[in-house]
C-alpha atoms as a PDB file:
ATOM      1  CA  UNK A   1      53.296   8.683 -13.169  1.00  0.00           C
ATOM      2  CA  UNK A   2      55.217  11.909 -13.692  1.00  0.00           C
ATOM      3  CA  UNK A   3      57.894  11.716 -10.977  1.00  0.00           C
ATOM      4  CA  UNK A   4      59.388  15.095 -11.828  1.00  0.00           C
ATOM      5  CA  UNK A   5      56.060  16.770 -11.205  1.00  0.00           C
ATOM      6  CA  UNK A   6      55.480  14.788  -8.013  1.00  0.00           C
ATOM      7  CA  UNK A   7      58.924  15.564  -6.582  1.00  0.00           C
ATOM      8  CA  UNK A   8      58.507  19.289  -7.203  1.00  0.00           C
ATOM      9  CA  UNK A   9      55.086  19.379  -5.553  1.00  0.00           C
ATOM     10  CA  UNK A  10      54.996  21.514  -2.411  1.00  0.00           C
ATOM     11  CA  UNK A  11      51.946  19.561  -1.254  1.00  0.00           C
ATOM     12  CA  UNK A  12      53.946  16.325  -1.302  1.00  0.00           C
ATOM     13  CA  UNK A  13      56.807  17.736   0.757  1.00  0.00           C
ATOM     14  CA  UNK A  14      54.530  19.451   3.270  1.00  0.00           C
ATOM     15  CA  UNK A  15      52.703  16.138   3.649  1.00  0.00           C
ATOM     16  CA  UNK A  16      55.981  14.234   4.130  1.00  0.00           C
ATOM     17  CA  UNK A  17      57.245  16.761   6.681  1.00  0.00           C
ATOM     18  CA  UNK A  18      53.898  16.706   8.493  1.00  0.00           C
ATOM     19  CA  UNK A  19      53.838  12.907   8.597  1.00  0.00           C
ATOM     20  CA  UNK A  20      57.414  12.655   9.863  1.00  0.00           C
ATOM     21  CA  UNK A  21      56.746  15.383  12.433  1.00  0.00           C
ATOM     22  CA  UNK A  22      53.660  13.610  13.741  1.00  0.00           C
ATOM     23  CA  UNK A  23      55.474  10.271  13.910  1.00  0.00           C
ATOM     24  CA  UNK A  24      58.326  11.844  15.857  1.00  0.00           C
ATOM     25  CA  UNK A  25      55.853  13.477  18.238  1.00  0.00           C
ATOM     26  CA  UNK A  26      54.118  10.123  18.735  1.00  0.00           C
ATOM     27  CA  UNK A  27      57.439   8.563  19.733  1.00  0.00           C
ATOM     28  CA  UNK A  28      58.172  11.323  22.246  1.00  0.00           C
ATOM     29  CA  UNK A  29      60.906  13.202  20.387  1.00  0.00           C
ATOM     30  CA  UNK A  30      61.542  16.731  21.672  1.00  0.00           C
ATOM     31  CA  UNK A  31      59.832  19.568  19.814  1.00  0.00           C
ATOM     32  CA  UNK A  32      63.152  21.222  18.988  1.00  0.00           C
ATOM     33  CA  UNK A  33      64.328  18.027  17.275  1.00  0.00           C
ATOM     34  CA  UNK A  34      61.048  17.711  15.378  1.00  0.00           C
ATOM     35  CA  UNK A  35      61.395  21.279  14.124  1.00  0.00           C
ATOM     36  CA  UNK A  36      64.984  20.618  13.058  1.00  0.00           C
ATOM     37  CA  UNK A  37      64.101  17.413  11.187  1.00  0.00           C
ATOM     38  CA  UNK A  38      61.112  18.919   9.383  1.00  0.00           C
ATOM     39  CA  UNK A  39      63.246  21.935   8.418  1.00  0.00           C
ATOM     40  CA  UNK A  40      65.812  19.571   6.898  1.00  0.00           C
ATOM     41  CA  UNK A  41      63.083  17.795   4.931  1.00  0.00           C
ATOM     42  CA  UNK A  42      61.742  21.083   3.555  1.00  0.00           C
ATOM     43  CA  UNK A  43      65.247  22.324   2.712  1.00  0.00           C
ATOM     44  CA  UNK A  44      65.891  19.114   0.800  1.00  0.00           C
ATOM     45  CA  UNK A  45      62.578  19.506  -0.992  1.00  0.00           C
ATOM     46  CA  UNK A  46      63.550  23.022  -2.045  1.00  0.00           C
ATOM     47  CA  UNK A  47      66.798  21.769  -3.537  1.00  0.00           C
ATOM     48  CA  UNK A  48      65.096  18.879  -5.335  1.00  0.00           C
ATOM     49  CA  UNK A  49      62.448  21.224  -6.731  1.00  0.00           C
ATOM     50  CA  UNK A  50      65.030  23.724  -7.914  1.00  0.00           C
ATOM     51  CA  UNK A  51      67.252  21.142  -9.590  1.00  0.00           C
ATOM     52  CA  UNK A  52      64.378  19.399 -11.384  1.00  0.00           C
ATOM     53  CA  UNK A  53      62.796  22.661 -12.486  1.00  0.00           C
ATOM     54  CA  UNK A  54      66.075  24.003 -13.848  1.00  0.00           C
ATOM     55  CA  UNK A  55      66.644  20.715 -15.640  1.00  0.00           C
ATOM     56  CA  UNK A  56      63.245  20.969 -17.302  1.00  0.00           C
ATOM     57  CA  UNK A  57      63.887  24.567 -18.339  1.00  0.00           C
ATOM     58  CA  UNK A  58      67.289  23.652 -19.767  1.00  0.00           C
ATOM     59  CA  UNK A  59      65.840  20.669 -21.633  1.00  0.00           C
ATOM     60  CA  UNK A  60      63.151  22.830 -23.229  1.00  0.00           C
ATOM     61  CA  UNK A  61      65.720  25.476 -24.168  1.00  0.00           C
ATOM     62  CA  UNK A  62      67.774  22.954 -26.122  1.00  0.00           C
ATOM     63  CA  UNK A  63      66.522  23.253 -29.684  1.00  0.00           C
ATOM     64  CA  UNK A  64      67.261  20.651 -32.304  1.00  0.00           C
ATOM     65  CA  UNK A  65      68.489  22.161 -35.565  1.00  0.00           C
ATOM     66  CA  UNK A  66      68.266  19.641 -38.396  1.00  0.00           C
ATOM     67  CA  UNK A  67      71.175  19.468 -40.818  1.00  0.00           C
ATOM     68  CA  UNK A  68      70.903  21.481 -44.019  1.00  0.00           C
ATOM     69  CA  UNK A  69      70.199  19.002 -46.863  1.00  0.00           C
ATOM     70  CA  UNK A  70      72.109  21.179 -49.309  1.00  0.00           C
ATOM     71  CA  UNK A  71      75.311  20.812 -47.286  1.00  0.00           C
ATOM     72  CA  UNK A  72      75.239  17.014 -47.228  1.00  0.00           C
ATOM     73  CA  UNK A  73      77.916  15.378 -49.316  1.00  0.00           C
ATOM     74  CA  UNK A  74      77.815  11.841 -50.595  1.00  0.00           C
END
């Protein structure tokens, strides 16, 4: 399973926020609190997505340059 792809998925985070929101509503939490909690979840998802995406971009930008065989000394 590709966790980086899963954690950057908007569908995953919308599903998590929706599930948490519905559970809070089922337990009688006030709508203002539900909105606040789901906003925190989505803000966290944005940060996670940004950090993982930037990490992937940086990793792909790093290019391996093999040593020049002519410069090797024995």
